Amino acid sequence: MKRLTFFEPIFQELRIRKILPYLPKGGVLVDVGCDQPQVLIDRVCEEMKECIGLDIVVDPHTHGNVRILRQDLQKKIILPSNTANVITLLAVLEHMKHPADIIRECFRVLKKGGVLLITVPSAQSKPLLELFAILGFVRREMIEQHENYFSHDKLHTICKDAGFKTVHVESFELGCNTFIRAVK
């Protein structure tokens, strides 16, 4: 079992609070990089028709309207096209070797009009995150796994190139994080 630092659940809660107002209720949610425990899914499962969590570090299981599947996130998403009303990637995209590939996969899995909600650390936050890792505020291995830091323009371009018709990118947490809402 992984050992979280004191601050990680706080940062996770801030990311969840950021996306909750944009989460359409009643449909199918796919949480890419859901982790274990599946905090977002546990929070919203009663409001959704179905919740599907994907991650490499999970114990696969099904309970009620929740399905948790083991998935290497660097590969093609194991769900059929046009499955989800909403897909979330909370603090996941920065870990991807090929971020444009996972965004294209999200586009494929989303239904028409579906929403992609993403949070990523901003490019400006890199030195701060590295300091937090040294101080033990966040797990060093998680920061060392970051493959990418993104500008707003880069995130907008990746989403548009994947086919999303509407893309909104904004900073939050005093510029340390970026929120993306893209509509298929």
N, C-alpha and C. Protein backbone atom coordinates (compact mmCIF):
# COMPACT_ATOMS: atom_id res chain seq x y z
N MET A 1 0.85 -1.19 0.00
CA MET A 1 0.00 0.00 0.00
C MET A 1 0.89 1.24 0.00
N LYS A 2 0.56 2.18 -0.86
CA LYS A 2 1.35 3.41 -0.93
C LYS A 2 1.14 4.25 0.32
N ARG A 3 2.14 5.02 0.66
CA ARG A 3 2.05 5.91 1.81
C ARG A 3 1.96 7.34 1.31
N LEU A 4 0.84 7.99 1.56
CA LEU A 4 0.65 9.37 1.13
C LEU A 4 1.29 10.31 2.12
N THR A 5 1.71 11.45 1.61
CA THR A 5 2.20 12.50 2.50
C THR A 5 0.99 13.24 3.06
N PHE A 6 1.22 14.07 4.03
CA PHE A 6 0.14 14.86 4.64
C PHE A 6 -0.59 15.71 3.60
N PHE A 7 0.16 16.28 2.65
CA PHE A 7 -0.42 17.24 1.71
C PHE A 7 -1.13 16.62 0.51
N GLU A 8 -0.80 15.39 0.15
CA GLU A 8 -1.37 14.80 -1.06
C GLU A 8 -2.89 14.71 -1.05
N PRO A 9 -3.52 14.28 0.03
CA PRO A 9 -4.99 14.28 0.03
C PRO A 9 -5.58 15.69 -0.09
N ILE A 10 -4.89 16.68 0.43
CA ILE A 10 -5.36 18.07 0.32
C ILE A 10 -5.30 18.50 -1.14
N PHE A 11 -4.19 18.24 -1.81
CA PHE A 11 -4.06 18.60 -3.23
C PHE A 11 -5.09 17.85 -4.07
N GLN A 12 -5.31 16.57 -3.75
CA GLN A 12 -6.29 15.78 -4.47
C GLN A 12 -7.69 16.37 -4.29
N GLU A 13 -8.02 16.76 -3.09
CA GLU A 13 -9.33 17.36 -2.82
C GLU A 13 -9.51 18.66 -3.59
N LEU A 14 -8.48 19.47 -3.69
CA LEU A 14 -8.57 20.72 -4.45
C LEU A 14 -8.82 20.45 -5.94
N ARG A 15 -8.19 19.42 -6.48
CA ARG A 15 -8.43 19.06 -7.89
C ARG A 15 -9.86 18.59 -8.09
N ILE A 16 -10.35 17.75 -7.18
CA ILE A 16 -11.72 17.25 -7.29
C ILE A 16 -12.71 18.41 -7.19
N ARG A 17 -12.51 19.29 -6.25
CA ARG A 17 -13.41 20.44 -6.12
C ARG A 17 -13.42 21.31 -7.37
N LYS A 18 -12.29 21.38 -8.05
CA LYS A 18 -12.22 22.18 -9.27
C LYS A 18 -13.09 21.60 -10.37
N ILE A 19 -13.10 20.29 -10.52
CA ILE A 19 -13.83 19.68 -11.64
C ILE A 19 -15.29 19.39 -11.34
N LEU A 20 -15.67 19.26 -10.07
CA LEU A 20 -17.04 18.87 -9.73
C LEU A 20 -18.12 19.73 -10.37
N PRO A 21 -18.00 21.05 -10.42
CA PRO A 21 -19.06 21.85 -11.05
C PRO A 21 -19.25 21.55 -12.54
N TYR A 22 -18.28 20.95 -13.18
CA TYR A 22 -18.33 20.68 -14.62
C TYR A 22 -18.67 19.23 -14.92
N LEU A 23 -18.90 18.43 -13.89
CA LEU A 23 -19.14 17.00 -14.05
C LEU A 23 -20.63 16.77 -14.34
N PRO A 24 -20.98 16.37 -15.57
CA PRO A 24 -22.39 16.12 -15.86
C PRO A 24 -22.89 14.90 -15.09
N LYS A 25 -24.03 15.03 -14.48
CA LYS A 25 -24.58 13.95 -13.65
C LYS A 25 -25.39 12.97 -14.50
N GLY A 26 -25.46 11.73 -14.04
CA GLY A 26 -26.37 10.75 -14.60
C GLY A 26 -25.83 9.90 -15.73
N GLY A 27 -24.68 10.20 -16.27
CA GLY A 27 -24.15 9.43 -17.38
C GLY A 27 -23.06 8.47 -16.94
N VAL A 28 -22.19 8.15 -17.88
CA VAL A 28 -21.08 7.24 -17.64
C VAL A 28 -19.80 8.07 -17.46
N LEU A 29 -19.17 7.89 -16.30
CA LEU A 29 -17.90 8.55 -15.98
C LEU A 29 -16.78 7.54 -16.14
N VAL A 30 -15.72 7.94 -16.84
CA VAL A 30 -14.49 7.15 -16.88
C VAL A 30 -13.41 8.01 -16.23
N ASP A 31 -12.84 7.50 -15.14
CA ASP A 31 -11.76 8.20 -14.43
C ASP A 31 -10.45 7.52 -14.80
N VAL A 32 -9.71 8.15 -15.71
CA VAL A 32 -8.44 7.60 -16.19
C VAL A 32 -7.36 7.97 -15.17
N GLY A 33 -6.73 6.94 -14.61
CA GLY A 33 -5.76 7.17 -13.54
C GLY A 33 -6.46 7.33 -12.21
N CYS A 34 -7.46 6.48 -11.97
CA CYS A 34 -8.33 6.61 -10.79
C CYS A 34 -7.60 6.38 -9.47
N ASP A 35 -6.48 5.66 -9.51
CA ASP A 35 -5.70 5.35 -8.31
C ASP A 35 -6.51 4.43 -7.39
N GLN A 36 -5.93 4.10 -6.26
CA GLN A 36 -6.59 3.25 -5.27
C GLN A 36 -6.27 3.80 -3.90
N PRO A 37 -7.25 4.20 -3.12
CA PRO A 37 -8.69 4.11 -3.37
C PRO A 37 -9.14 5.11 -4.44
N GLN A 38 -10.29 4.85 -5.01
CA GLN A 38 -10.84 5.67 -6.09
C GLN A 38 -11.66 6.80 -5.48
N VAL A 39 -10.99 7.85 -5.08
CA VAL A 39 -11.61 8.93 -4.31
C VAL A 39 -12.69 9.64 -5.10
N LEU A 40 -12.41 10.02 -6.35
CA LEU A 40 -13.42 10.72 -7.15
C LEU A 40 -14.63 9.83 -7.40
N ILE A 41 -14.39 8.60 -7.80
CA ILE A 41 -15.50 7.68 -8.08
C ILE A 41 -16.33 7.46 -6.83
N ASP A 42 -15.70 7.24 -5.69
CA ASP A 42 -16.45 7.06 -4.44
C ASP A 42 -17.30 8.28 -4.14
N ARG A 43 -16.82 9.46 -4.49
CA ARG A 43 -17.53 10.70 -4.20
C ARG A 43 -18.78 10.87 -5.07
N VAL A 44 -18.72 10.44 -6.35
CA VAL A 44 -19.80 10.77 -7.29
C VAL A 44 -20.60 9.57 -7.78
N CYS A 45 -20.29 8.36 -7.36
CA CYS A 45 -20.92 7.17 -7.95
C CYS A 45 -22.44 7.15 -7.81
N GLU A 46 -22.96 7.71 -6.75
CA GLU A 46 -24.42 7.71 -6.57
C GLU A 46 -25.12 8.67 -7.54
N GLU A 47 -24.38 9.60 -8.11
CA GLU A 47 -24.95 10.58 -9.04
C GLU A 47 -24.80 10.15 -10.50
N MET A 48 -24.11 9.04 -10.74
CA MET A 48 -23.80 8.61 -12.10
C MET A 48 -24.50 7.29 -12.42
N LYS A 49 -24.77 7.07 -13.71
CA LYS A 49 -25.32 5.79 -14.15
C LYS A 49 -24.29 4.69 -13.96
N GLU A 50 -23.05 5.01 -14.36
CA GLU A 50 -21.95 4.05 -14.21
C GLU A 50 -20.65 4.81 -14.05
N CYS A 51 -19.75 4.26 -13.24
CA CYS A 51 -18.41 4.81 -13.06
C CYS A 51 -17.40 3.72 -13.39
N ILE A 52 -16.45 4.07 -14.26
CA ILE A 52 -15.41 3.13 -14.65
C ILE A 52 -14.07 3.77 -14.30
N GLY A 53 -13.28 3.08 -13.50
CA GLY A 53 -11.95 3.56 -13.15
C GLY A 53 -10.90 2.74 -13.85
N LEU A 54 -9.90 3.43 -14.39
CA LEU A 54 -8.80 2.77 -15.09
C LEU A 54 -7.48 3.17 -14.46
N ASP A 55 -6.66 2.19 -14.11
CA ASP A 55 -5.33 2.48 -13.59
C ASP A 55 -4.54 1.18 -13.54
N ILE A 56 -3.23 1.29 -13.56
CA ILE A 56 -2.35 0.12 -13.49
C ILE A 56 -2.21 -0.37 -12.06
N VAL A 57 -2.47 0.49 -11.07
CA VAL A 57 -2.19 0.16 -9.67
C VAL A 57 -3.42 -0.31 -8.90
N VAL A 58 -4.50 -0.70 -9.58
CA VAL A 58 -5.74 -1.05 -8.89
C VAL A 58 -5.95 -2.55 -8.84
N ASP A 59 -6.77 -2.97 -7.88
CA ASP A 59 -7.28 -4.33 -7.85
C ASP A 59 -8.61 -4.31 -8.60
N PRO A 60 -8.69 -4.97 -9.76
CA PRO A 60 -9.92 -4.93 -10.55
C PRO A 60 -11.10 -5.49 -9.75
N HIS A 61 -12.22 -4.80 -9.85
CA HIS A 61 -13.43 -5.28 -9.19
C HIS A 61 -14.65 -4.54 -9.72
N THR A 62 -15.81 -5.10 -9.44
CA THR A 62 -17.09 -4.48 -9.79
C THR A 62 -17.95 -4.49 -8.54
N HIS A 63 -18.62 -3.36 -8.30
CA HIS A 63 -19.53 -3.26 -7.17
C HIS A 63 -20.61 -2.25 -7.54
N GLY A 64 -21.85 -2.74 -7.65
CA GLY A 64 -22.94 -1.84 -8.04
C GLY A 64 -22.67 -1.25 -9.41
N ASN A 65 -22.70 0.08 -9.49
CA ASN A 65 -22.48 0.76 -10.76
C ASN A 65 -21.02 1.16 -10.98
N VAL A 66 -20.12 0.57 -10.21
CA VAL A 66 -18.69 0.90 -10.30
C VAL A 66 -17.91 -0.30 -10.83
N ARG A 67 -17.11 -0.04 -11.89
CA ARG A 67 -16.19 -1.04 -12.43
C ARG A 67 -14.79 -0.45 -12.37
N ILE A 68 -13.88 -1.16 -11.74
CA ILE A 68 -12.49 -0.75 -11.69
C ILE A 68 -11.68 -1.76 -12.51
N LEU A 69 -10.95 -1.24 -13.51
CA LEU A 69 -10.22 -2.09 -14.44
C LEU A 69 -8.74 -1.76 -14.42
N ARG A 70 -7.91 -2.80 -14.47
CA ARG A 70 -6.47 -2.57 -14.55
C ARG A 70 -6.12 -2.23 -16.00
N GLN A 71 -5.42 -1.12 -16.17
CA GLN A 71 -5.12 -0.61 -17.51
C GLN A 71 -3.77 0.09 -17.49
N ASP A 72 -2.90 -0.30 -18.39
CA ASP A 72 -1.67 0.46 -18.61
C ASP A 72 -2.07 1.72 -19.35
N LEU A 73 -1.95 2.86 -18.70
CA LEU A 73 -2.44 4.11 -19.27
C LEU A 73 -1.59 4.61 -20.43
N GLN A 74 -0.45 4.00 -20.66
CA GLN A 74 0.39 4.37 -21.81
C GLN A 74 -0.09 3.68 -23.09
N LYS A 75 -1.12 2.84 -22.98
CA LYS A 75 -1.62 2.09 -24.13
C LYS A 75 -3.05 2.53 -24.45
N LYS A 76 -3.61 1.95 -25.51
CA LYS A 76 -4.97 2.25 -25.93
C LYS A 76 -5.95 1.93 -24.80
N ILE A 77 -6.92 2.81 -24.59
CA ILE A 77 -7.94 2.59 -23.56
C ILE A 77 -8.76 1.36 -23.92
N ILE A 78 -8.99 0.50 -22.95
CA ILE A 78 -9.62 -0.80 -23.19
C ILE A 78 -11.14 -0.74 -23.26
N LEU A 79 -11.71 0.42 -23.50
CA LEU A 79 -13.16 0.59 -23.61
C LEU A 79 -13.55 0.84 -25.06
N PRO A 80 -14.80 0.47 -25.42
CA PRO A 80 -15.27 0.74 -26.78
C PRO A 80 -15.44 2.24 -27.04
N SER A 81 -15.47 2.59 -28.31
CA SER A 81 -15.74 3.97 -28.70
C SER A 81 -17.13 4.38 -28.22
N ASN A 82 -17.31 5.67 -27.98
CA ASN A 82 -18.61 6.25 -27.62
C ASN A 82 -19.20 5.63 -26.36
N THR A 83 -18.38 5.41 -25.36
CA THR A 83 -18.80 4.80 -24.09
C THR A 83 -19.19 5.83 -23.05
N ALA A 84 -18.43 6.92 -22.95
CA ALA A 84 -18.50 7.81 -21.77
C ALA A 84 -19.14 9.15 -22.08
N ASN A 85 -19.85 9.67 -21.08
CA ASN A 85 -20.35 11.04 -21.12
C ASN A 85 -19.29 12.01 -20.62
N VAL A 86 -18.45 11.53 -19.71
CA VAL A 86 -17.40 12.38 -19.14
C VAL A 86 -16.18 11.51 -18.82
N ILE A 87 -15.01 12.05 -19.11
CA ILE A 87 -13.74 11.40 -18.76
C ILE A 87 -12.93 12.39 -17.95
N THR A 88 -12.34 11.89 -16.86
CA THR A 88 -11.48 12.73 -16.03
C THR A 88 -10.05 12.18 -16.05
N LEU A 89 -9.10 13.11 -16.06
CA LEU A 89 -7.67 12.80 -15.88
C LEU A 89 -7.16 13.83 -14.88
N LEU A 90 -7.14 13.46 -13.62
CA LEU A 90 -6.73 14.39 -12.57
C LEU A 90 -5.30 14.08 -12.16
N ALA A 91 -4.39 14.98 -12.49
CA ALA A 91 -2.95 14.81 -12.20
C ALA A 91 -2.42 13.51 -12.81
N VAL A 92 -2.77 13.29 -14.08
CA VAL A 92 -2.37 12.08 -14.80
C VAL A 92 -1.58 12.41 -16.06
N LEU A 93 -2.03 13.38 -16.82
CA LEU A 93 -1.46 13.66 -18.14
C LEU A 93 0.04 13.94 -18.08
N GLU A 94 0.50 14.56 -17.01
CA GLU A 94 1.92 14.88 -16.90
C GLU A 94 2.79 13.63 -16.78
N HIS A 95 2.18 12.48 -16.47
CA HIS A 95 2.92 11.21 -16.35
C HIS A 95 2.99 10.44 -17.67
N MET A 96 2.30 10.92 -18.69
CA MET A 96 2.21 10.21 -19.97
C MET A 96 3.41 10.52 -20.87
N LYS A 97 4.00 9.47 -21.41
CA LYS A 97 5.10 9.65 -22.37
C LYS A 97 4.60 10.31 -23.65
N HIS A 98 3.37 9.98 -24.04
CA HIS A 98 2.77 10.49 -25.27
C HIS A 98 1.39 11.07 -24.94
N PRO A 99 1.35 12.27 -24.37
CA PRO A 99 0.07 12.82 -23.91
C PRO A 99 -0.96 13.01 -25.01
N ALA A 100 -0.53 13.32 -26.22
CA ALA A 100 -1.50 13.49 -27.31
C ALA A 100 -2.23 12.18 -27.61
N ASP A 101 -1.54 11.04 -27.43
CA ASP A 101 -2.17 9.74 -27.68
C ASP A 101 -3.32 9.49 -26.72
N ILE A 102 -3.12 9.76 -25.43
CA ILE A 102 -4.19 9.50 -24.46
C ILE A 102 -5.35 10.47 -24.67
N ILE A 103 -5.08 11.69 -25.11
CA ILE A 103 -6.16 12.64 -25.39
C ILE A 103 -6.97 12.17 -26.59
N ARG A 104 -6.30 11.65 -27.63
CA ARG A 104 -7.03 11.09 -28.78
C ARG A 104 -7.87 9.89 -28.35
N GLU A 105 -7.33 9.07 -27.46
CA GLU A 105 -8.09 7.93 -26.95
C GLU A 105 -9.32 8.40 -26.16
N CYS A 106 -9.16 9.43 -25.37
CA CYS A 106 -10.30 9.98 -24.64
C CYS A 106 -11.37 10.47 -25.61
N PHE A 107 -10.95 11.14 -26.67
CA PHE A 107 -11.89 11.61 -27.69
C PHE A 107 -12.66 10.42 -28.27
N ARG A 108 -11.96 9.34 -28.58
CA ARG A 108 -12.60 8.15 -29.14
C ARG A 108 -13.63 7.56 -28.19
N VAL A 109 -13.30 7.49 -26.91
CA VAL A 109 -14.16 6.84 -25.92
C VAL A 109 -15.36 7.71 -25.54
N LEU A 110 -15.23 9.02 -25.68
CA LEU A 110 -16.33 9.92 -25.34
C LEU A 110 -17.46 9.84 -26.37
N LYS A 111 -18.70 9.97 -25.88
CA LYS A 111 -19.85 10.12 -26.75
C LYS A 111 -19.85 11.54 -27.32
N LYS A 112 -20.61 11.74 -28.40
CA LYS A 112 -20.76 13.09 -28.96
C LYS A 112 -21.32 14.01 -27.89
N GLY A 113 -20.70 15.16 -27.72
CA GLY A 113 -21.10 16.10 -26.67
C GLY A 113 -20.48 15.78 -25.32
N GLY A 114 -19.69 14.70 -25.26
CA GLY A 114 -19.04 14.31 -24.01
C GLY A 114 -17.98 15.31 -23.60
N VAL A 115 -17.65 15.28 -22.31
CA VAL A 115 -16.75 16.26 -21.71
C VAL A 115 -15.50 15.57 -21.17
N LEU A 116 -14.35 16.16 -21.47
CA LEU A 116 -13.07 15.73 -20.92
C LEU A 116 -12.63 16.77 -19.91
N LEU A 117 -12.36 16.34 -18.67
CA LEU A 117 -11.93 17.23 -17.59
C LEU A 117 -10.54 16.80 -17.15
N ILE A 118 -9.59 17.73 -17.22
CA ILE A 118 -8.19 17.43 -16.93
C ILE A 118 -7.65 18.44 -15.94
N THR A 119 -6.81 17.96 -15.01
CA THR A 119 -5.96 18.86 -14.23
C THR A 119 -4.53 18.39 -14.40
N VAL A 120 -3.62 19.36 -14.53
CA VAL A 120 -2.19 19.09 -14.62
C VAL A 120 -1.44 20.19 -13.88
N PRO A 121 -0.27 19.87 -13.35
CA PRO A 121 0.54 20.95 -12.79
C PRO A 121 1.01 21.87 -13.91
N SER A 122 1.08 23.13 -13.63
CA SER A 122 1.54 24.09 -14.64
C SER A 122 3.06 23.98 -14.82
N ALA A 123 3.53 24.46 -15.95
CA ALA A 123 4.97 24.47 -16.21
C ALA A 123 5.71 25.27 -15.14
N GLN A 124 5.07 26.35 -14.67
CA GLN A 124 5.70 27.22 -13.67
C GLN A 124 5.84 26.53 -12.31
N SER A 125 5.05 25.49 -12.07
CA SER A 125 5.07 24.84 -10.76
C SER A 125 6.20 23.81 -10.62
N LYS A 126 6.90 23.49 -11.69
CA LYS A 126 7.94 22.45 -11.64
C LYS A 126 8.95 22.66 -10.51
N PRO A 127 9.57 23.84 -10.38
CA PRO A 127 10.53 24.02 -9.29
C PRO A 127 9.89 23.88 -7.90
N LEU A 128 8.67 24.35 -7.77
CA LEU A 128 7.97 24.25 -6.49
C LEU A 128 7.68 22.78 -6.16
N LEU A 129 7.21 22.01 -7.13
CA LEU A 129 6.94 20.59 -6.90
C LEU A 129 8.22 19.84 -6.54
N GLU A 130 9.31 20.18 -7.20
CA GLU A 130 10.59 19.53 -6.87
C GLU A 130 11.02 19.87 -5.45
N LEU A 131 10.80 21.10 -5.03
CA LEU A 131 11.09 21.49 -3.64
C LEU A 131 10.18 20.73 -2.68
N PHE A 132 8.88 20.65 -2.99
CA PHE A 132 7.94 19.91 -2.15
C PHE A 132 8.38 18.45 -2.00
N ALA A 133 8.90 17.87 -3.08
CA ALA A 133 9.37 16.48 -3.02
C ALA A 133 10.57 16.35 -2.09
N ILE A 134 11.50 17.29 -2.17
CA ILE A 134 12.68 17.28 -1.29
C ILE A 134 12.27 17.42 0.17
N LEU A 135 11.28 18.28 0.42
CA LEU A 135 10.81 18.51 1.79
C LEU A 135 9.87 17.42 2.30
N GLY A 136 9.46 16.51 1.42
CA GLY A 136 8.57 15.42 1.82
C GLY A 136 7.10 15.79 1.83
N PHE A 137 6.74 16.92 1.23
CA PHE A 137 5.33 17.33 1.16
C PHE A 137 4.55 16.49 0.15
N VAL A 138 5.24 16.03 -0.88
CA VAL A 138 4.67 15.11 -1.87
C VAL A 138 5.69 14.00 -2.10
N ARG A 139 5.22 12.87 -2.61
CA ARG A 139 6.12 11.75 -2.84
C ARG A 139 7.09 12.07 -3.97
N ARG A 140 8.36 11.94 -3.67
CA ARG A 140 9.41 12.23 -4.65
C ARG A 140 9.23 11.40 -5.92
N GLU A 141 8.87 10.12 -5.76
CA GLU A 141 8.75 9.26 -6.95
C GLU A 141 7.65 9.74 -7.89
N MET A 142 6.62 10.35 -7.35
CA MET A 142 5.54 10.86 -8.21
C MET A 142 6.04 12.05 -9.04
N ILE A 143 6.79 12.92 -8.44
CA ILE A 143 7.32 14.09 -9.17
C ILE A 143 8.37 13.64 -10.18
N GLU A 144 9.19 12.67 -9.81
CA GLU A 144 10.21 12.16 -10.73
C GLU A 144 9.60 11.47 -11.94
N GLN A 145 8.36 11.00 -11.81
CA GLN A 145 7.67 10.34 -12.93
C GLN A 145 7.07 11.32 -13.93
N HIS A 146 7.10 12.61 -13.63
CA HIS A 146 6.53 13.59 -14.55
C HIS A 146 7.33 13.59 -15.86
N GLU A 147 6.64 13.31 -16.94
CA GLU A 147 7.24 13.31 -18.28
C GLU A 147 7.09 14.67 -18.95
N ASN A 148 6.07 15.44 -18.54
CA ASN A 148 5.72 16.68 -19.23
C ASN A 148 5.23 17.73 -18.26
N TYR A 149 5.48 18.97 -18.61
CA TYR A 149 4.81 20.13 -18.03
C TYR A 149 4.29 20.92 -19.23
N PHE A 150 3.10 21.47 -19.12
CA PHE A 150 2.42 22.03 -20.29
C PHE A 150 2.12 23.51 -20.15
N SER A 151 2.25 24.23 -21.26
CA SER A 151 1.73 25.59 -21.34
C SER A 151 0.24 25.50 -21.70
N HIS A 152 -0.48 26.59 -21.48
CA HIS A 152 -1.90 26.62 -21.87
C HIS A 152 -2.04 26.36 -23.37
N ASP A 153 -1.17 26.98 -24.17
CA ASP A 153 -1.25 26.82 -25.62
C ASP A 153 -1.04 25.37 -26.03
N LYS A 154 -0.08 24.69 -25.41
CA LYS A 154 0.19 23.29 -25.74
C LYS A 154 -1.02 22.41 -25.42
N LEU A 155 -1.63 22.63 -24.25
CA LEU A 155 -2.81 21.85 -23.87
C LEU A 155 -3.97 22.10 -24.84
N HIS A 156 -4.18 23.36 -25.19
CA HIS A 156 -5.24 23.72 -26.13
C HIS A 156 -5.00 23.02 -27.47
N THR A 157 -3.78 23.06 -27.95
CA THR A 157 -3.44 22.45 -29.24
C THR A 157 -3.63 20.93 -29.21
N ILE A 158 -3.17 20.28 -28.15
CA ILE A 158 -3.33 18.82 -28.04
C ILE A 158 -4.81 18.44 -28.11
N CYS A 159 -5.65 19.16 -27.40
CA CYS A 159 -7.09 18.85 -27.39
C CYS A 159 -7.74 19.15 -28.74
N LYS A 160 -7.42 20.28 -29.33
CA LYS A 160 -7.98 20.63 -30.65
C LYS A 160 -7.54 19.62 -31.71
N ASP A 161 -6.27 19.26 -31.69
CA ASP A 161 -5.75 18.30 -32.66
C ASP A 161 -6.40 16.93 -32.52
N ALA A 162 -6.85 16.59 -31.32
CA ALA A 162 -7.54 15.31 -31.09
C ALA A 162 -8.96 15.34 -31.63
N GLY A 163 -9.49 16.54 -31.90
CA GLY A 163 -10.84 16.65 -32.46
C GLY A 163 -11.84 17.38 -31.59
N PHE A 164 -11.46 17.78 -30.39
CA PHE A 164 -12.41 18.47 -29.51
C PHE A 164 -12.81 19.80 -30.12
N LYS A 165 -14.13 20.09 -30.09
CA LYS A 165 -14.62 21.31 -30.74
C LYS A 165 -14.51 22.52 -29.83
N THR A 166 -14.66 22.33 -28.53
CA THR A 166 -14.55 23.42 -27.57
C THR A 166 -13.49 23.05 -26.54
N VAL A 167 -12.55 23.95 -26.32
CA VAL A 167 -11.48 23.70 -25.34
C VAL A 167 -11.30 24.96 -24.49
N HIS A 168 -11.42 24.79 -23.18
CA HIS A 168 -11.21 25.89 -22.24
C HIS A 168 -10.05 25.51 -21.33
N VAL A 169 -9.06 26.39 -21.21
CA VAL A 169 -7.88 26.15 -20.38
C VAL A 169 -7.73 27.32 -19.43
N GLU A 170 -7.56 27.02 -18.13
CA GLU A 170 -7.36 28.09 -17.14
C GLU A 170 -6.46 27.61 -16.02
N SER A 171 -5.83 28.56 -15.37
CA SER A 171 -5.00 28.28 -14.19
C SER A 171 -5.86 28.27 -12.94
N PHE A 172 -5.42 27.50 -11.94
CA PHE A 172 -6.02 27.56 -10.61
C PHE A 172 -4.94 27.24 -9.59
N GLU A 173 -5.28 27.31 -8.32
CA GLU A 173 -4.31 27.13 -7.23
C GLU A 173 -3.12 28.08 -7.42
N LEU A 174 -3.43 29.36 -7.57
CA LEU A 174 -2.42 30.41 -7.70
C LEU A 174 -1.45 30.16 -8.85
N GLY A 175 -1.96 29.57 -9.93
CA GLY A 175 -1.13 29.32 -11.10
C GLY A 175 -0.32 28.05 -11.05
N CYS A 176 -0.44 27.28 -9.97
CA CYS A 176 0.35 26.04 -9.85
C CYS A 176 -0.27 24.88 -10.62
N ASN A 177 -1.55 24.97 -10.92
CA ASN A 177 -2.23 23.91 -11.65
C ASN A 177 -3.01 24.50 -12.81
N THR A 178 -3.33 23.63 -13.75
CA THR A 178 -4.10 24.01 -14.93
C THR A 178 -5.30 23.10 -15.03
N PHE A 179 -6.44 23.69 -15.39
CA PHE A 179 -7.69 22.97 -15.59
C PHE A 179 -8.07 23.08 -17.06
N ILE A 180 -8.46 21.95 -17.63
CA ILE A 180 -8.89 21.91 -19.02
C ILE A 180 -10.27 21.27 -19.07
N ARG A 181 -11.17 21.91 -19.82
CA ARG A 181 -12.50 21.36 -20.11
C ARG A 181 -12.64 21.35 -21.62
N ALA A 182 -12.74 20.14 -22.18
CA ALA A 182 -12.85 19.99 -23.63
C ALA A 182 -14.13 19.22 -23.95
N VAL A 183 -14.86 19.68 -24.96
CA VAL A 183 -16.13 19.07 -25.34
C VAL A 183 -16.00 18.47 -26.73
N LYS A 184 -16.47 17.22 -26.87
CA LYS A 184 -16.41 16.52 -28.16
C LYS A 184 -17.54 17.01 -29.05
